[in-house]
């Protein structure tokens, strides 16, 4: 039964969006899961979704400007989960903030505001821009060398954490995806859940296969525990 936990989480985001997933999390009593090891014991995989910005203090910087909006309770919660799931070598999929959160948790840094620091505008729900995938990567295998994605982020990876490798970039060189060198971890800076199934607008690939890959990783992990 537990091996389907990741599928339920993925479908929650696909059907309701990250904002709804965030709503359910906030309805829990304060601190309900913090320090509780049950999610680490029972969960076969972790899906880190989009949301507010990661606290700059975690990578040794002060807040750059008033575009940086953080969520300390969520960050504390996710840091504990990331440490637990990586220690147990469980699969993780990251989306947008999730990519940034995992990168920082493993020792990487971020651009706090792409417009001010780089002069790039990547925060527009109507934008569709090309992404260039590295040969041998999951994205290259599923969608080819060049394809379009959405773009709704004002922060991005500056320095990749040890153990992570960039597997896709925008035309400007912004990291759009990564994979871990030895752990079953991958992530995208763009939002594939907004471009999958009935939510796909025809301007990009249907990214459902990416979620199927994540679920397959979770099932493979679960089978090893039997």
N, C-alpha and C. Protein backbone atom coordinates (compact mmCIF):
# COMPACT_ATOMS: atom_id res chain seq x y z
N UNK A 1 0.83 -1.21 0.00
CA UNK A 1 0.00 0.00 0.00
C UNK A 1 0.86 1.26 0.00
N UNK A 2 1.91 1.24 0.80
CA UNK A 2 2.69 2.46 0.93
C UNK A 2 3.37 2.87 -0.36
N UNK A 3 3.61 1.91 -1.27
CA UNK A 3 4.33 2.26 -2.49
C UNK A 3 3.53 3.20 -3.38
N UNK A 4 2.24 3.38 -3.09
CA UNK A 4 1.43 4.29 -3.89
C UNK A 4 1.36 5.70 -3.30
N UNK A 5 2.08 5.93 -2.19
CA UNK A 5 2.07 7.26 -1.58
C UNK A 5 2.55 8.30 -2.56
N UNK A 6 3.64 8.02 -3.25
CA UNK A 6 4.18 9.01 -4.18
C UNK A 6 3.21 9.29 -5.31
N UNK A 7 2.50 8.27 -5.78
CA UNK A 7 1.52 8.47 -6.84
C UNK A 7 0.42 9.41 -6.38
N UNK A 8 -0.01 9.25 -5.13
CA UNK A 8 -1.06 10.12 -4.59
C UNK A 8 -0.56 11.56 -4.50
N UNK A 9 0.67 11.74 -4.06
CA UNK A 9 1.22 13.08 -3.96
C UNK A 9 1.34 13.72 -5.33
N UNK A 10 1.82 12.94 -6.30
CA UNK A 10 1.97 13.48 -7.64
C UNK A 10 0.61 13.88 -8.21
N UNK A 11 -0.39 13.03 -8.03
CA UNK A 11 -1.71 13.34 -8.56
C UNK A 11 -2.33 14.54 -7.86
N UNK A 12 -2.04 14.72 -6.56
CA UNK A 12 -2.55 15.88 -5.85
C UNK A 12 -2.07 17.16 -6.52
N UNK A 13 -0.79 17.19 -6.86
CA UNK A 13 -0.24 18.38 -7.51
C UNK A 13 -0.77 18.51 -8.93
N UNK A 14 -0.88 17.39 -9.65
CA UNK A 14 -1.37 17.44 -11.02
C UNK A 14 -2.81 17.94 -11.08
N UNK A 15 -3.64 17.48 -10.15
CA UNK A 15 -5.05 17.80 -10.19
C UNK A 15 -5.38 19.13 -9.53
N UNK A 16 -4.66 19.46 -8.46
CA UNK A 16 -5.02 20.63 -7.66
C UNK A 16 -4.02 21.76 -7.76
N UNK A 17 -2.78 21.46 -8.15
CA UNK A 17 -1.76 22.48 -8.22
C UNK A 17 -1.04 22.63 -6.89
N UNK A 18 0.14 23.25 -6.95
CA UNK A 18 0.96 23.41 -5.76
C UNK A 18 0.27 24.26 -4.70
N UNK A 19 -0.54 25.24 -5.14
CA UNK A 19 -1.21 26.11 -4.17
C UNK A 19 -2.18 25.30 -3.30
N UNK A 20 -2.88 24.34 -3.89
CA UNK A 20 -3.80 23.52 -3.13
C UNK A 20 -3.04 22.58 -2.19
N UNK A 21 -1.93 22.02 -2.68
CA UNK A 21 -1.10 21.17 -1.83
C UNK A 21 -0.60 21.96 -0.64
N UNK A 22 -0.22 23.22 -0.88
CA UNK A 22 0.24 24.08 0.20
C UNK A 22 -0.90 24.33 1.19
N UNK A 23 -2.12 24.48 0.70
CA UNK A 23 -3.27 24.70 1.58
C UNK A 23 -3.45 23.52 2.53
N UNK A 24 -3.39 22.31 2.01
CA UNK A 24 -3.56 21.14 2.86
C UNK A 24 -2.47 21.08 3.92
N UNK A 25 -1.22 21.41 3.54
CA UNK A 25 -0.14 21.38 4.51
C UNK A 25 -0.39 22.37 5.63
N UNK A 26 -0.86 23.57 5.29
CA UNK A 26 -1.04 24.60 6.30
C UNK A 26 -2.21 24.31 7.23
N UNK A 27 -3.12 23.43 6.83
CA UNK A 27 -4.25 23.11 7.69
C UNK A 27 -3.85 22.15 8.82
N UNK A 28 -2.67 21.55 8.73
CA UNK A 28 -2.21 20.68 9.80
C UNK A 28 -1.92 21.50 11.05
N UNK A 29 -2.06 20.93 12.24
CA UNK A 29 -1.66 21.64 13.45
C UNK A 29 -0.19 22.01 13.37
N UNK A 30 0.14 23.18 13.90
CA UNK A 30 1.52 23.66 13.81
C UNK A 30 2.49 22.64 14.41
N UNK A 31 3.51 22.30 13.61
CA UNK A 31 4.53 21.36 14.05
C UNK A 31 4.10 19.91 14.06
N UNK A 32 2.95 19.60 13.43
CA UNK A 32 2.41 18.25 13.52
C UNK A 32 3.37 17.19 13.00
N UNK A 33 4.08 17.49 11.92
CA UNK A 33 4.97 16.50 11.34
C UNK A 33 6.43 16.75 11.70
N UNK A 34 6.74 17.90 12.24
CA UNK A 34 8.13 18.20 12.55
C UNK A 34 8.62 17.26 13.64
N UNK A 35 9.70 16.58 13.35
CA UNK A 35 10.25 15.65 14.31
C UNK A 35 9.59 14.28 14.28
N UNK A 36 8.50 14.14 13.53
CA UNK A 36 7.82 12.85 13.42
C UNK A 36 8.53 12.04 12.34
N UNK A 37 8.93 10.83 12.66
CA UNK A 37 9.67 10.02 11.70
C UNK A 37 8.77 9.17 10.81
N UNK A 38 7.46 9.21 11.04
CA UNK A 38 6.55 8.38 10.25
C UNK A 38 6.67 8.63 8.75
N UNK A 39 6.69 9.90 8.27
CA UNK A 39 6.83 10.09 6.82
C UNK A 39 8.13 9.51 6.28
N UNK A 40 9.19 9.52 7.08
CA UNK A 40 10.47 8.99 6.63
C UNK A 40 10.43 7.47 6.58
N UNK A 41 9.71 6.85 7.51
CA UNK A 41 9.62 5.39 7.55
C UNK A 41 8.68 4.88 6.46
N UNK A 42 7.53 5.53 6.28
CA UNK A 42 6.47 4.99 5.45
C UNK A 42 6.53 5.46 4.01
N UNK A 43 7.06 6.65 3.77
CA UNK A 43 7.07 7.18 2.41
C UNK A 43 8.15 6.53 1.56
N UNK A 44 7.78 6.14 0.34
CA UNK A 44 8.75 5.55 -0.58
C UNK A 44 9.42 6.61 -1.44
N UNK A 45 8.85 7.80 -1.51
CA UNK A 45 9.42 8.85 -2.34
C UNK A 45 8.91 10.20 -1.85
N UNK A 46 9.62 11.25 -2.27
CA UNK A 46 9.28 12.60 -1.83
C UNK A 46 9.14 13.50 -3.05
N UNK A 47 8.03 14.24 -3.12
CA UNK A 47 7.80 15.22 -4.17
C UNK A 47 7.85 16.61 -3.56
N UNK A 48 8.85 17.40 -3.92
CA UNK A 48 9.00 18.77 -3.43
C UNK A 48 8.43 19.71 -4.48
N UNK A 49 7.36 20.42 -4.14
CA UNK A 49 6.64 21.25 -5.10
C UNK A 49 7.10 22.70 -5.06
N UNK A 50 6.44 23.52 -5.90
CA UNK A 50 6.73 24.94 -5.94
C UNK A 50 6.19 25.67 -4.72
N UNK A 51 6.52 26.95 -4.61
CA UNK A 51 6.08 27.74 -3.48
C UNK A 51 6.93 28.98 -3.30
N UNK A 52 6.97 29.48 -2.09
CA UNK A 52 7.72 30.70 -1.80
C UNK A 52 9.23 30.46 -1.83
N UNK A 53 9.98 31.55 -1.71
CA UNK A 53 11.43 31.50 -1.85
C UNK A 53 12.10 30.83 -0.65
N UNK A 54 13.28 30.27 -0.90
CA UNK A 54 14.10 29.68 0.15
C UNK A 54 14.85 30.80 0.87
N UNK A 55 14.98 30.69 2.18
CA UNK A 55 15.62 31.72 2.99
C UNK A 55 17.08 31.91 2.59
N UNK A 56 17.49 33.11 2.17
CA UNK A 56 18.88 33.35 1.76
C UNK A 56 19.90 33.05 2.85
N UNK A 57 19.53 33.17 4.11
CA UNK A 57 20.45 32.88 5.18
C UNK A 57 20.97 31.45 5.15
N UNK A 58 20.22 30.54 4.53
CA UNK A 58 20.65 29.15 4.45
C UNK A 58 21.85 28.97 3.53
N UNK A 59 22.06 29.94 2.63
CA UNK A 59 23.25 29.86 1.78
C UNK A 59 24.15 31.09 1.98
N UNK A 60 24.06 31.65 3.18
CA UNK A 60 25.03 32.66 3.61
C UNK A 60 24.84 34.06 3.05
N UNK A 61 23.60 34.42 2.68
CA UNK A 61 23.34 35.76 2.13
C UNK A 61 22.24 36.46 2.90
N UNK A 62 22.24 37.80 2.80
CA UNK A 62 21.13 38.61 3.30
C UNK A 62 20.07 38.70 2.22
N UNK A 63 18.83 39.01 2.62
CA UNK A 63 17.75 39.20 1.65
C UNK A 63 18.11 40.35 0.72
N UNK A 64 18.02 40.08 -0.59
CA UNK A 64 18.46 41.05 -1.59
C UNK A 64 17.50 42.22 -1.75
N UNK A 65 16.20 41.94 -1.88
CA UNK A 65 15.21 42.99 -2.08
C UNK A 65 13.83 42.48 -1.66
N UNK A 66 12.81 43.31 -1.86
CA UNK A 66 11.48 42.95 -1.36
C UNK A 66 10.73 41.96 -2.26
N UNK A 67 11.38 41.48 -3.34
CA UNK A 67 10.75 40.41 -4.12
C UNK A 67 10.92 39.06 -3.45
N UNK A 68 11.82 38.97 -2.48
CA UNK A 68 12.12 37.69 -1.82
C UNK A 68 11.11 37.46 -0.70
N UNK A 69 10.25 36.48 -0.88
CA UNK A 69 9.21 36.14 0.08
C UNK A 69 9.41 34.69 0.53
N UNK A 70 9.62 34.50 1.81
CA UNK A 70 9.99 33.17 2.31
C UNK A 70 8.89 32.53 3.16
N UNK A 71 9.10 31.28 3.52
CA UNK A 71 8.15 30.51 4.33
C UNK A 71 8.96 29.64 5.30
N UNK A 72 9.47 30.23 6.39
CA UNK A 72 10.36 29.49 7.30
C UNK A 72 9.80 28.18 7.85
N UNK A 73 8.53 28.10 8.27
CA UNK A 73 8.03 26.81 8.78
C UNK A 73 8.08 25.71 7.72
N UNK A 74 7.70 26.05 6.49
CA UNK A 74 7.76 25.06 5.42
C UNK A 74 9.21 24.65 5.15
N UNK A 75 10.11 25.62 5.14
CA UNK A 75 11.52 25.31 4.90
C UNK A 75 12.07 24.36 5.96
N UNK A 76 11.75 24.62 7.22
CA UNK A 76 12.20 23.75 8.30
C UNK A 76 11.69 22.32 8.09
N UNK A 77 10.43 22.22 7.73
CA UNK A 77 9.79 20.92 7.49
C UNK A 77 10.47 20.19 6.34
N UNK A 78 10.70 20.90 5.23
CA UNK A 78 11.27 20.27 4.06
C UNK A 78 12.74 19.91 4.25
N UNK A 79 13.47 20.73 4.98
CA UNK A 79 14.87 20.39 5.26
C UNK A 79 14.98 19.05 5.99
N UNK A 80 14.09 18.85 6.98
CA UNK A 80 14.10 17.60 7.72
C UNK A 80 13.77 16.42 6.80
N UNK A 81 12.80 16.60 5.91
CA UNK A 81 12.44 15.53 4.98
C UNK A 81 13.57 15.24 4.01
N UNK A 82 14.20 16.28 3.48
CA UNK A 82 15.29 16.08 2.53
C UNK A 82 16.43 15.31 3.18
N UNK A 83 16.79 15.69 4.39
CA UNK A 83 17.87 14.99 5.08
C UNK A 83 17.51 13.52 5.30
N UNK A 84 16.27 13.28 5.70
CA UNK A 84 15.84 11.91 5.97
C UNK A 84 15.77 11.06 4.72
N UNK A 85 15.19 11.60 3.64
CA UNK A 85 15.04 10.83 2.41
C UNK A 85 16.37 10.60 1.71
N UNK A 86 17.25 11.60 1.71
CA UNK A 86 18.56 11.40 1.08
C UNK A 86 19.39 10.40 1.87
N UNK A 87 19.31 10.46 3.20
CA UNK A 87 20.05 9.50 4.03
C UNK A 87 19.61 8.08 3.76
N UNK A 88 18.32 7.90 3.45
CA UNK A 88 17.77 6.57 3.18
C UNK A 88 17.82 6.21 1.70
N UNK A 89 18.36 7.12 0.88
CA UNK A 89 18.51 6.91 -0.57
C UNK A 89 17.17 6.66 -1.24
N UNK A 90 16.14 7.39 -0.79
CA UNK A 90 14.82 7.27 -1.37
C UNK A 90 14.66 8.25 -2.53
N UNK A 91 13.81 7.94 -3.51
CA UNK A 91 13.61 8.82 -4.66
C UNK A 91 13.02 10.18 -4.27
N UNK A 92 13.48 11.21 -4.94
CA UNK A 92 12.96 12.57 -4.76
C UNK A 92 12.77 13.21 -6.13
N UNK A 93 11.63 13.85 -6.33
CA UNK A 93 11.39 14.68 -7.50
C UNK A 93 11.17 16.11 -7.02
N UNK A 94 11.79 17.07 -7.70
CA UNK A 94 11.73 18.47 -7.27
C UNK A 94 11.15 19.34 -8.39
N UNK A 95 10.31 20.29 -8.01
CA UNK A 95 9.71 21.22 -8.97
C UNK A 95 9.89 22.65 -8.45
N UNK A 96 10.47 23.52 -9.26
CA UNK A 96 10.60 24.95 -9.00
C UNK A 96 11.25 25.22 -7.63
N UNK A 97 10.48 25.68 -6.63
CA UNK A 97 11.06 25.88 -5.30
C UNK A 97 11.72 24.59 -4.81
N UNK A 98 11.13 23.44 -5.15
CA UNK A 98 11.71 22.17 -4.73
C UNK A 98 13.13 22.00 -5.22
N UNK A 99 13.39 22.40 -6.47
CA UNK A 99 14.75 22.35 -7.03
C UNK A 99 15.68 23.24 -6.22
N UNK A 100 15.21 24.45 -5.93
CA UNK A 100 16.03 25.40 -5.17
C UNK A 100 16.25 24.92 -3.75
N UNK A 101 15.20 24.35 -3.15
CA UNK A 101 15.28 23.86 -1.77
C UNK A 101 16.30 22.73 -1.65
N UNK A 102 16.22 21.77 -2.56
CA UNK A 102 17.14 20.65 -2.48
C UNK A 102 18.58 21.10 -2.76
N UNK A 103 18.75 22.00 -3.72
CA UNK A 103 20.09 22.51 -4.02
C UNK A 103 20.71 23.19 -2.81
N UNK A 104 19.94 24.01 -2.12
CA UNK A 104 20.44 24.70 -0.94
C UNK A 104 20.70 23.70 0.19
N UNK A 105 19.79 22.74 0.37
CA UNK A 105 19.95 21.75 1.43
C UNK A 105 21.24 20.96 1.28
N UNK A 106 21.69 20.76 0.03
CA UNK A 106 22.90 19.99 -0.23
C UNK A 106 24.15 20.86 -0.36
N UNK A 107 23.98 22.18 -0.17
CA UNK A 107 25.15 23.06 -0.15
C UNK A 107 25.30 24.00 -1.32
N UNK A 108 24.28 24.15 -2.16
CA UNK A 108 24.33 25.06 -3.29
C UNK A 108 23.82 26.45 -2.94
N UNK A 109 23.85 27.35 -3.94
CA UNK A 109 23.39 28.73 -3.75
C UNK A 109 22.40 29.10 -4.85
N UNK A 110 21.74 30.26 -4.67
CA UNK A 110 20.69 30.71 -5.60
C UNK A 110 20.90 32.15 -6.04
N UNK A 111 20.39 32.47 -7.22
CA UNK A 111 20.13 33.86 -7.58
C UNK A 111 18.83 34.23 -6.88
N UNK A 112 18.84 35.27 -6.07
CA UNK A 112 17.64 35.66 -5.35
C UNK A 112 16.62 36.35 -6.24
N UNK A 113 17.07 37.08 -7.25
CA UNK A 113 16.17 37.79 -8.14
C UNK A 113 16.81 37.88 -9.52
N UNK A 114 16.33 37.07 -10.46
CA UNK A 114 16.94 37.01 -11.78
C UNK A 114 16.93 38.34 -12.50
N UNK A 115 15.88 39.14 -12.31
CA UNK A 115 15.80 40.42 -12.99
C UNK A 115 16.91 41.35 -12.52
N UNK A 116 17.07 41.49 -11.20
CA UNK A 116 18.08 42.40 -10.67
C UNK A 116 19.49 41.88 -10.85
N UNK A 117 19.69 40.58 -10.66
CA UNK A 117 21.05 40.03 -10.67
C UNK A 117 21.53 39.62 -12.05
N UNK A 118 20.60 39.25 -12.95
CA UNK A 118 21.01 38.76 -14.27
C UNK A 118 20.35 39.50 -15.43
N UNK A 119 19.28 40.22 -15.15
CA UNK A 119 18.57 40.90 -16.22
C UNK A 119 17.65 40.00 -17.02
N UNK A 120 17.28 38.84 -16.48
CA UNK A 120 16.44 37.88 -17.17
C UNK A 120 15.04 37.88 -16.56
N UNK A 121 14.02 37.81 -17.42
CA UNK A 121 12.64 37.69 -16.96
C UNK A 121 12.17 36.25 -17.22
N UNK A 122 12.00 35.49 -16.15
CA UNK A 122 11.51 34.12 -16.25
C UNK A 122 10.22 33.94 -15.46
N UNK A 123 9.60 35.05 -15.05
CA UNK A 123 8.38 34.95 -14.24
C UNK A 123 7.21 35.52 -15.02
N UNK A 124 6.63 34.67 -15.86
CA UNK A 124 5.47 35.05 -16.66
C UNK A 124 4.76 33.76 -17.08
N UNK A 125 3.55 33.58 -16.59
CA UNK A 125 2.85 32.31 -16.83
C UNK A 125 2.55 32.08 -18.30
N UNK A 126 2.61 33.13 -19.12
CA UNK A 126 2.33 32.97 -20.55
C UNK A 126 3.57 32.65 -21.37
N UNK A 127 4.75 32.78 -20.77
CA UNK A 127 5.99 32.49 -21.49
C UNK A 127 6.14 31.00 -21.76
N UNK A 128 6.59 30.67 -22.95
CA UNK A 128 7.05 29.33 -23.28
C UNK A 128 8.42 29.50 -23.94
N UNK A 129 9.45 28.96 -23.33
CA UNK A 129 10.79 29.13 -23.89
C UNK A 129 11.47 27.79 -24.05
N UNK A 130 12.50 27.77 -24.90
CA UNK A 130 13.19 26.51 -25.16
C UNK A 130 14.10 26.13 -24.00
N UNK A 131 14.19 24.84 -23.78
CA UNK A 131 15.12 24.24 -22.83
C UNK A 131 15.96 23.23 -23.61
N UNK A 132 17.25 23.18 -23.28
CA UNK A 132 18.19 22.32 -23.98
C UNK A 132 18.68 21.24 -23.02
N UNK A 133 18.32 19.99 -23.29
CA UNK A 133 18.62 18.88 -22.38
C UNK A 133 19.95 18.23 -22.74
N UNK A 134 20.65 17.79 -21.72
CA UNK A 134 21.94 17.12 -21.90
C UNK A 134 21.73 15.67 -22.33
N UNK A 135 22.54 15.19 -23.28
CA UNK A 135 22.46 13.78 -23.67
C UNK A 135 22.66 12.86 -22.46
N UNK A 136 21.89 11.79 -22.41
CA UNK A 136 21.99 10.85 -21.31
C UNK A 136 21.12 11.19 -20.12
N UNK A 137 20.49 12.36 -20.14
CA UNK A 137 19.64 12.77 -19.02
C UNK A 137 18.24 12.21 -19.18
N UNK A 138 17.48 12.24 -18.08
CA UNK A 138 16.08 11.80 -18.12
C UNK A 138 15.27 12.64 -19.10
N UNK A 139 15.46 13.96 -19.06
CA UNK A 139 14.70 14.84 -19.96
C UNK A 139 15.04 14.57 -21.42
N UNK A 140 16.31 14.35 -21.72
CA UNK A 140 16.71 14.06 -23.09
C UNK A 140 16.10 12.75 -23.57
N UNK A 141 16.09 11.76 -22.69
CA UNK A 141 15.51 10.46 -23.03
C UNK A 141 14.02 10.58 -23.32
N UNK A 142 13.30 11.37 -22.52
CA UNK A 142 11.84 11.43 -22.63
C UNK A 142 11.36 12.45 -23.66
N UNK A 143 12.10 13.58 -23.82
CA UNK A 143 11.56 14.69 -24.62
C UNK A 143 12.51 15.21 -25.69
N UNK A 144 13.70 14.64 -25.76
CA UNK A 144 14.63 15.06 -26.81
C UNK A 144 15.57 16.16 -26.37
N UNK A 145 16.36 16.64 -27.32
CA UNK A 145 17.42 17.61 -27.02
C UNK A 145 16.89 19.01 -26.75
N UNK A 146 15.80 19.39 -27.45
CA UNK A 146 15.29 20.76 -27.38
C UNK A 146 13.77 20.73 -27.33
N UNK A 147 13.20 21.41 -26.36
CA UNK A 147 11.75 21.46 -26.23
C UNK A 147 11.36 22.70 -25.42
N UNK A 148 10.10 23.06 -25.47
CA UNK A 148 9.63 24.25 -24.77
C UNK A 148 9.02 23.89 -23.41
N UNK A 149 9.14 24.83 -22.47
CA UNK A 149 8.53 24.69 -21.15
C UNK A 149 7.90 26.02 -20.76
N UNK A 150 7.21 26.01 -19.62
CA UNK A 150 6.72 27.26 -19.05
C UNK A 150 7.82 27.92 -18.23
N UNK A 151 7.51 29.09 -17.66
CA UNK A 151 8.54 29.83 -16.93
C UNK A 151 7.87 30.74 -15.91
N UNK A 152 7.86 30.30 -14.64
CA UNK A 152 7.18 31.08 -13.59
C UNK A 152 8.05 31.14 -12.34
N UNK A 153 9.31 31.56 -12.50
CA UNK A 153 10.20 31.67 -11.35
C UNK A 153 11.03 32.94 -11.46
N UNK A 154 11.30 33.57 -10.31
CA UNK A 154 12.16 34.75 -10.33
C UNK A 154 13.50 34.46 -9.67
N UNK A 155 13.65 33.24 -9.12
CA UNK A 155 14.93 32.80 -8.58
C UNK A 155 15.41 31.59 -9.38
N UNK A 156 16.69 31.25 -9.21
CA UNK A 156 17.25 30.10 -9.92
C UNK A 156 18.55 29.68 -9.25
N UNK A 157 19.02 28.52 -9.65
CA UNK A 157 20.29 28.01 -9.11
C UNK A 157 21.44 28.87 -9.61
N UNK A 158 22.29 29.26 -8.68
CA UNK A 158 23.53 29.95 -9.02
C UNK A 158 24.68 28.94 -9.05
N UNK A 159 24.94 28.32 -7.92
CA UNK A 159 25.98 27.30 -7.82
C UNK A 159 25.34 25.97 -7.44
N UNK A 160 25.58 24.96 -8.25
CA UNK A 160 25.03 23.63 -7.96
C UNK A 160 25.71 23.03 -6.73
N UNK A 161 24.93 22.32 -5.95
CA UNK A 161 25.46 21.63 -4.77
C UNK A 161 26.31 20.45 -5.20
N UNK A 162 27.27 20.06 -4.37
CA UNK A 162 28.05 18.85 -4.65
C UNK A 162 27.13 17.64 -4.83
N UNK A 163 27.41 16.84 -5.85
CA UNK A 163 26.61 15.65 -6.13
C UNK A 163 25.53 15.86 -7.17
N UNK A 164 25.18 17.13 -7.45
CA UNK A 164 24.17 17.41 -8.47
C UNK A 164 24.84 17.77 -9.79
N UNK A 165 24.20 17.38 -10.89
CA UNK A 165 24.68 17.75 -12.22
C UNK A 165 23.54 18.38 -13.01
N UNK A 166 23.82 19.48 -13.69
CA UNK A 166 22.82 20.15 -14.52
C UNK A 166 22.51 19.28 -15.73
N UNK A 167 21.23 19.08 -16.00
CA UNK A 167 20.84 18.25 -17.13
C UNK A 167 20.03 19.01 -18.18
N UNK A 168 19.75 20.29 -17.93
CA UNK A 168 19.08 21.12 -18.93
C UNK A 168 19.32 22.59 -18.58
N UNK A 169 19.39 23.42 -19.62
CA UNK A 169 19.61 24.86 -19.44
C UNK A 169 18.66 25.64 -20.36
N UNK A 170 18.39 26.88 -19.99
CA UNK A 170 17.71 27.82 -20.88
C UNK A 170 18.75 28.41 -21.83
N UNK A 171 18.31 29.20 -22.80
CA UNK A 171 19.22 29.80 -23.76
C UNK A 171 20.22 30.73 -23.07
N UNK A 172 19.81 31.29 -21.91
CA UNK A 172 20.71 32.19 -21.18
C UNK A 172 21.72 31.44 -20.31
N UNK A 173 21.53 30.12 -20.18
CA UNK A 173 22.42 29.33 -19.34
C UNK A 173 21.87 29.04 -17.96
N UNK A 174 20.62 29.45 -17.68
CA UNK A 174 20.01 29.15 -16.40
C UNK A 174 19.77 27.65 -16.27
N UNK A 175 20.10 27.09 -15.12
CA UNK A 175 19.87 25.66 -14.89
C UNK A 175 18.36 25.40 -14.83
N UNK A 176 17.88 24.58 -15.73
CA UNK A 176 16.45 24.25 -15.80
C UNK A 176 16.13 22.86 -15.26
N UNK A 177 17.16 22.05 -15.04
CA UNK A 177 16.93 20.71 -14.49
C UNK A 177 18.24 20.16 -13.95
N UNK A 178 18.11 19.25 -12.99
CA UNK A 178 19.29 18.54 -12.50
C UNK A 178 18.96 17.10 -12.17
N UNK A 179 20.00 16.30 -12.02
CA UNK A 179 19.91 14.95 -11.48
C UNK A 179 21.05 14.77 -10.49
N UNK A 180 20.85 13.88 -9.54
CA UNK A 180 21.94 13.57 -8.62
C UNK A 180 22.84 12.52 -9.25
N UNK A 181 24.11 12.61 -8.95
CA UNK A 181 25.08 11.71 -9.57
C UNK A 181 24.94 10.26 -9.09
N UNK A 182 24.45 10.06 -7.88
CA UNK A 182 24.39 8.69 -7.36
C UNK A 182 23.06 8.32 -6.70
N UNK A 183 22.22 9.30 -6.40
CA UNK A 183 20.94 9.04 -5.75
C UNK A 183 19.78 9.19 -6.75
N UNK A 184 18.63 8.55 -6.50
CA UNK A 184 17.48 8.65 -7.42
C UNK A 184 16.73 9.98 -7.25
N UNK A 185 17.41 11.06 -7.59
CA UNK A 185 16.88 12.41 -7.41
C UNK A 185 16.96 13.15 -8.74
N UNK A 186 15.86 13.79 -9.13
CA UNK A 186 15.88 14.69 -10.28
C UNK A 186 14.89 15.82 -10.05
N UNK A 187 15.05 16.90 -10.79
CA UNK A 187 14.15 18.03 -10.62
C UNK A 187 14.17 18.97 -11.81
N UNK A 188 13.11 19.78 -11.91
CA UNK A 188 13.00 20.78 -12.98
C UNK A 188 12.69 22.14 -12.37
N UNK A 189 13.30 23.18 -12.93
CA UNK A 189 12.98 24.53 -12.50
C UNK A 189 11.60 24.95 -13.02
N UNK A 190 11.21 24.43 -14.16
CA UNK A 190 9.88 24.71 -14.71
C UNK A 190 8.84 23.83 -14.02
N UNK A 191 7.56 24.06 -14.36
CA UNK A 191 6.44 23.36 -13.71
C UNK A 191 5.82 22.34 -14.66
N UNK A 192 6.28 21.08 -14.65
CA UNK A 192 5.70 20.08 -15.55
C UNK A 192 4.26 19.72 -15.20
N UNK A 193 3.86 19.89 -13.92
CA UNK A 193 2.48 19.54 -13.53
C UNK A 193 1.46 20.46 -14.20
N UNK A 194 1.90 21.65 -14.61
CA UNK A 194 0.99 22.58 -15.28
C UNK A 194 0.94 22.34 -16.79
N UNK A 195 1.71 21.37 -17.26
CA UNK A 195 1.80 21.09 -18.69
C UNK A 195 1.56 19.61 -18.98
N UNK A 196 0.86 18.93 -18.07
CA UNK A 196 0.64 17.49 -18.18
C UNK A 196 -0.84 17.17 -18.36
N UNK A 197 -1.11 16.13 -19.14
CA UNK A 197 -2.49 15.69 -19.32
C UNK A 197 -3.39 16.78 -19.86
N UNK A 198 -4.54 16.95 -19.23
CA UNK A 198 -5.51 17.94 -19.72
C UNK A 198 -5.04 19.37 -19.53
N UNK A 199 -3.98 19.58 -18.76
CA UNK A 199 -3.46 20.94 -18.53
C UNK A 199 -2.47 21.36 -19.61
N UNK A 200 -2.07 20.45 -20.48
CA UNK A 200 -1.14 20.79 -21.54
C UNK A 200 -1.82 21.67 -22.58
N UNK A 201 -1.17 22.75 -22.98
CA UNK A 201 -1.80 23.71 -23.89
C UNK A 201 -1.36 23.54 -25.34
N UNK A 202 -0.60 22.49 -25.63
CA UNK A 202 -0.20 22.22 -27.00
C UNK A 202 1.05 22.96 -27.43
N UNK A 203 1.58 23.82 -26.56
CA UNK A 203 2.79 24.58 -26.92
C UNK A 203 4.06 23.93 -26.39
N UNK A 204 3.90 22.86 -25.61
CA UNK A 204 5.03 22.15 -25.02
C UNK A 204 4.75 20.65 -25.10
N UNK A 205 5.74 19.83 -24.81
CA UNK A 205 5.42 18.40 -24.66
C UNK A 205 4.45 18.18 -23.50
N UNK A 206 3.77 17.06 -23.54
CA UNK A 206 2.99 16.61 -22.38
C UNK A 206 3.98 15.94 -21.43
N UNK A 207 4.11 16.49 -20.22
CA UNK A 207 5.15 16.03 -19.30
C UNK A 207 4.69 14.89 -18.38
N UNK A 208 3.55 14.27 -18.70
CA UNK A 208 3.11 13.13 -17.90
C UNK A 208 4.18 12.04 -17.76
N UNK A 209 4.96 11.73 -18.82
CA UNK A 209 6.00 10.71 -18.67
C UNK A 209 7.02 11.00 -17.57
N UNK A 210 7.23 12.26 -17.26
CA UNK A 210 8.18 12.60 -16.20
C UNK A 210 7.64 12.15 -14.84
N UNK A 211 6.34 12.31 -14.63
CA UNK A 211 5.73 11.85 -13.38
C UNK A 211 5.67 10.32 -13.34
N UNK A 212 5.47 9.70 -14.49
CA UNK A 212 5.49 8.24 -14.53
C UNK A 212 6.88 7.72 -14.14
N UNK A 213 7.92 8.42 -14.57
CA UNK A 213 9.27 8.02 -14.19
C UNK A 213 9.47 8.11 -12.68
N UNK A 214 8.96 9.18 -12.09
CA UNK A 214 9.06 9.36 -10.65
C UNK A 214 8.33 8.23 -9.91
N UNK A 215 7.13 7.91 -10.36
CA UNK A 215 6.36 6.84 -9.74
C UNK A 215 7.07 5.50 -9.91
N UNK A 216 7.66 5.27 -11.08
CA UNK A 216 8.41 4.03 -11.30
C UNK A 216 9.59 3.94 -10.34
N UNK A 217 10.26 5.08 -10.09
CA UNK A 217 11.38 5.08 -9.14
C UNK A 217 10.90 4.69 -7.74
N UNK A 218 9.74 5.23 -7.35
CA UNK A 218 9.20 4.92 -6.04
C UNK A 218 8.80 3.45 -5.94
N UNK A 219 8.18 2.93 -6.98
CA UNK A 219 7.80 1.52 -6.97
C UNK A 219 9.03 0.61 -6.91
N UNK A 220 10.09 1.01 -7.62
CA UNK A 220 11.32 0.21 -7.59
C UNK A 220 11.93 0.21 -6.21
N UNK A 221 11.89 1.38 -5.54
CA UNK A 221 12.41 1.44 -4.18
C UNK A 221 11.58 0.54 -3.25
N UNK A 222 10.25 0.62 -3.38
CA UNK A 222 9.36 -0.17 -2.53
C UNK A 222 9.59 -1.66 -2.72
N UNK A 223 9.80 -2.08 -3.97
CA UNK A 223 10.00 -3.50 -4.24
C UNK A 223 11.27 -4.01 -3.56
N UNK A 224 12.29 -3.16 -3.46
CA UNK A 224 13.54 -3.57 -2.82
C UNK A 224 13.37 -3.77 -1.31
N UNK A 225 12.32 -3.17 -0.74
CA UNK A 225 12.11 -3.27 0.70
C UNK A 225 11.33 -4.51 1.10
N UNK A 226 10.77 -5.20 0.11
CA UNK A 226 9.94 -6.38 0.40
C UNK A 226 10.81 -7.57 0.82
